[in-house]
Amino acid sequence: MDQDGRTERLTEAERLELAKAAVREFRTQCFWFWRENIEVGTADIPEIARGLRQDGGRRGFLLAAKLCR
């Protein structure tokens, strides 16, 4: 949180790194149908967030919220 109590936004590069880490961590749980060697890009972030919300449990849901800020 910043000094005004708002949640700070991630940069595009930070969101992309978080998305790539999420795909690695939740591959078998949420992204089992994706190719093993898929190159994750910024255009994939909404789909990653959707998968995390749908099948990632509490941790995935919180990660999805972080990706969507």
Protein backbone atom coordinates (compact mmCIF):
# COMPACT_ATOMS: atom_id res chain seq x y z
CA MET A 1 0.00 0.00 0.00
CA ASP A 2 1.14 3.53 -0.62
CA GLN A 3 0.98 6.33 1.92
CA ASP A 4 -2.63 7.19 0.99
CA GLY A 5 -3.79 3.64 1.77
CA ARG A 6 -4.22 2.67 -1.87
CA THR A 7 -2.76 -0.50 -3.30
CA GLU A 8 0.18 0.30 -5.54
CA ARG A 9 0.09 -0.82 -9.16
CA LEU A 10 2.59 -3.20 -10.68
CA THR A 11 4.52 -2.18 -13.76
CA GLU A 12 3.88 -4.08 -16.99
CA ALA A 13 7.18 -5.95 -16.55
CA GLU A 14 6.30 -6.90 -12.97
CA ARG A 15 2.86 -8.15 -14.04
CA LEU A 16 4.44 -10.23 -16.80
CA GLU A 17 6.97 -11.81 -14.42
CA LEU A 18 4.20 -12.55 -11.91
CA ALA A 19 2.10 -14.13 -14.67
CA LYS A 20 5.00 -16.33 -15.82
CA ALA A 21 5.65 -17.44 -12.24
CA ALA A 22 1.94 -18.20 -11.77
CA VAL A 23 1.86 -20.36 -14.90
CA ARG A 24 4.87 -22.33 -13.64
CA GLU A 25 3.42 -22.75 -10.15
CA PHE A 26 -0.16 -23.55 -11.16
CA ARG A 27 0.54 -25.43 -14.42
CA THR A 28 -1.02 -28.74 -13.39
CA GLN A 29 -3.88 -27.14 -11.50
CA CYS A 30 -4.97 -24.34 -13.88
CA PHE A 31 -3.03 -24.47 -17.14
CA TRP A 32 -2.69 -28.18 -17.87
CA PHE A 33 -4.08 -27.68 -21.39
CA TRP A 34 -1.37 -25.16 -22.39
CA ARG A 35 1.75 -26.31 -24.26
CA GLU A 36 4.65 -27.06 -21.93
CA ASN A 37 6.94 -24.52 -23.61
CA ILE A 38 4.42 -21.72 -24.19
CA GLU A 39 5.87 -18.21 -24.31
CA VAL A 40 3.72 -16.11 -21.96
CA GLY A 41 3.14 -12.53 -23.08
CA THR A 42 1.20 -9.55 -21.79
CA ALA A 43 -1.78 -10.52 -23.96
CA ASP A 44 -2.05 -13.76 -21.95
CA ILE A 45 -2.44 -12.03 -18.56
CA PRO A 46 -6.28 -11.83 -18.64
CA GLU A 47 -6.51 -15.56 -19.45
CA ILE A 48 -4.00 -16.39 -16.72
CA ALA A 49 -5.99 -14.34 -14.22
CA ARG A 50 -9.19 -16.12 -15.27
CA GLY A 51 -7.59 -19.54 -14.83
CA LEU A 52 -6.20 -18.60 -11.43
CA ARG A 53 -9.59 -17.31 -10.24
CA GLN A 54 -11.40 -20.38 -11.51
CA ASP A 55 -9.07 -23.21 -10.46
CA GLY A 56 -6.27 -21.75 -8.33
CA GLY A 57 -7.93 -21.83 -4.93
CA ARG A 58 -7.44 -18.97 -2.50
CA ARG A 59 -3.81 -18.34 -3.43
CA GLY A 60 -4.64 -18.30 -7.14
CA PHE A 61 -7.56 -15.97 -6.55
CA LEU A 62 -5.33 -13.51 -4.69
CA LEU A 63 -2.66 -13.74 -7.39
CA ALA A 64 -5.29 -13.03 -10.06
CA ALA A 65 -6.35 -9.91 -8.16
CA LYS A 66 -2.73 -8.76 -8.08
CA LEU A 67 -2.39 -9.33 -11.83
CA CYS A 68 -5.52 -7.29 -12.56
CA ARG A 69 -4.50 -4.14 -10.66
